[in-house]
Amino acid sequence: MNDLLQRIEEARSSMHQLALQYGFNAPLVLDLSQRLDELLNTYHESVKKLRHV
């Protein structure tokens, strides 16, 4: 789980830096945003599974 949290933070930080540099609507930023969404969904599913164990 710590690895996943680290990947989420890295994606978030990268997305923020790229958004400041290229703008929030830049294709690269939007792609990274989608990747971050996937990571967050994975995290939420993991947490949900742990609560039901």
C-alpha atoms as a PDB file:
ATOM      1  CA  MET A   1       0.000   0.000   0.000  1.00  0.00           C
ATOM      2  CA  ASN A   2       2.892   2.386   0.736  1.00  0.00           C
ATOM      3  CA  ASP A   3       4.172   1.885  -2.803  1.00  0.00           C
ATOM      4  CA  LEU A   4       0.758   2.834  -4.175  1.00  0.00           C
ATOM      5  CA  LEU A   5       0.609   5.942  -2.001  1.00  0.00           C
ATOM      6  CA  GLN A   6       4.062   6.951  -3.183  1.00  0.00           C
ATOM      7  CA  ARG A   7       3.031   6.493  -6.823  1.00  0.00           C
ATOM      8  CA  ILE A   8      -0.080   8.613  -6.193  1.00  0.00           C
ATOM      9  CA  GLU A   9       1.976  11.405  -4.653  1.00  0.00           C
ATOM     10  CA  GLU A  10       4.521  11.312  -7.483  1.00  0.00           C
ATOM     11  CA  ALA A  11       1.775  11.466 -10.112  1.00  0.00           C
ATOM     12  CA  ARG A  12       0.030  14.300  -8.284  1.00  0.00           C
ATOM     13  CA  SER A  13       3.235  16.294  -7.949  1.00  0.00           C
ATOM     14  CA  SER A  14       4.207  15.730 -11.582  1.00  0.00           C
ATOM     15  CA  MET A  15       0.753  16.690 -12.786  1.00  0.00           C
ATOM     16  CA  HIS A  16       0.836  19.884 -10.748  1.00  0.00           C
ATOM     17  CA  GLN A  17       4.253  20.889 -12.084  1.00  0.00           C
ATOM     18  CA  LEU A  18       3.284  20.140 -15.679  1.00  0.00           C
ATOM     19  CA  ALA A  19      -0.003  22.016 -15.302  1.00  0.00           C
ATOM     20  CA  LEU A  20       1.861  25.087 -14.115  1.00  0.00           C
ATOM     21  CA  GLN A  21       4.281  24.802 -17.009  1.00  0.00           C
ATOM     22  CA  TYR A  22       1.926  23.870 -19.873  1.00  0.00           C
ATOM     23  CA  GLY A  23      -1.563  24.692 -18.595  1.00  0.00           C
ATOM     24  CA  PHE A  24      -4.275  22.485 -17.195  1.00  0.00           C
ATOM     25  CA  ASN A  25      -5.686  21.557 -20.611  1.00  0.00           C
ATOM     26  CA  ALA A  26      -2.406  20.331 -22.105  1.00  0.00           C
ATOM     27  CA  PRO A  27      -2.721  16.753 -23.405  1.00  0.00           C
ATOM     28  CA  LEU A  28       0.214  15.604 -21.258  1.00  0.00           C
ATOM     29  CA  VAL A  29      -1.449  16.986 -18.132  1.00  0.00           C
ATOM     30  CA  LEU A  30      -4.790  15.412 -19.011  1.00  0.00           C
ATOM     31  CA  ASP A  31      -3.132  12.033 -19.598  1.00  0.00           C
ATOM     32  CA  LEU A  32      -1.408  12.232 -16.239  1.00  0.00           C
ATOM     33  CA  SER A  33      -4.675  13.259 -14.621  1.00  0.00           C
ATOM     34  CA  GLN A  34      -6.312  10.107 -15.962  1.00  0.00           C
ATOM     35  CA  ARG A  35      -3.418   8.009 -14.663  1.00  0.00           C
ATOM     36  CA  LEU A  36      -3.779   9.652 -11.265  1.00  0.00           C
ATOM     37  CA  ASP A  37      -7.507   8.852 -11.316  1.00  0.00           C
ATOM     38  CA  GLU A  38      -6.673   5.202 -11.997  1.00  0.00           C
ATOM     39  CA  LEU A  39      -4.204   5.128  -9.101  1.00  0.00           C
ATOM     40  CA  LEU A  40      -6.732   6.745  -6.768  1.00  0.00           C
ATOM     41  CA  ASN A  41      -9.427   4.273  -7.809  1.00  0.00           C
ATOM     42  CA  THR A  42      -7.030   1.411  -7.108  1.00  0.00           C
ATOM     43  CA  TYR A  43      -6.264   2.889  -3.697  1.00  0.00           C
ATOM     44  CA  HIS A  44      -9.943   3.289  -2.815  1.00  0.00           C
ATOM     45  CA  GLU A  45     -10.700  -0.279  -3.871  1.00  0.00           C
ATOM     46  CA  SER A  46      -7.812  -1.535  -1.710  1.00  0.00           C
ATOM     47  CA  VAL A  47      -9.057   0.399   1.302  1.00  0.00           C
ATOM     48  CA  LYS A  48     -12.586  -0.864   0.757  1.00  0.00           C
ATOM     49  CA  LYS A  49     -11.360  -4.466   0.651  1.00  0.00           C
ATOM     50  CA  LEU A  50      -9.345  -4.011   3.853  1.00  0.00           C
ATOM     51  CA  ARG A  51     -12.385  -2.678   5.695  1.00  0.00           C
ATOM     52  CA  HIS A  52     -14.438  -5.730   4.744  1.00  0.00           C
ATOM     53  CA  VAL A  53     -11.858  -8.241   5.940  1.00  0.00           C
END
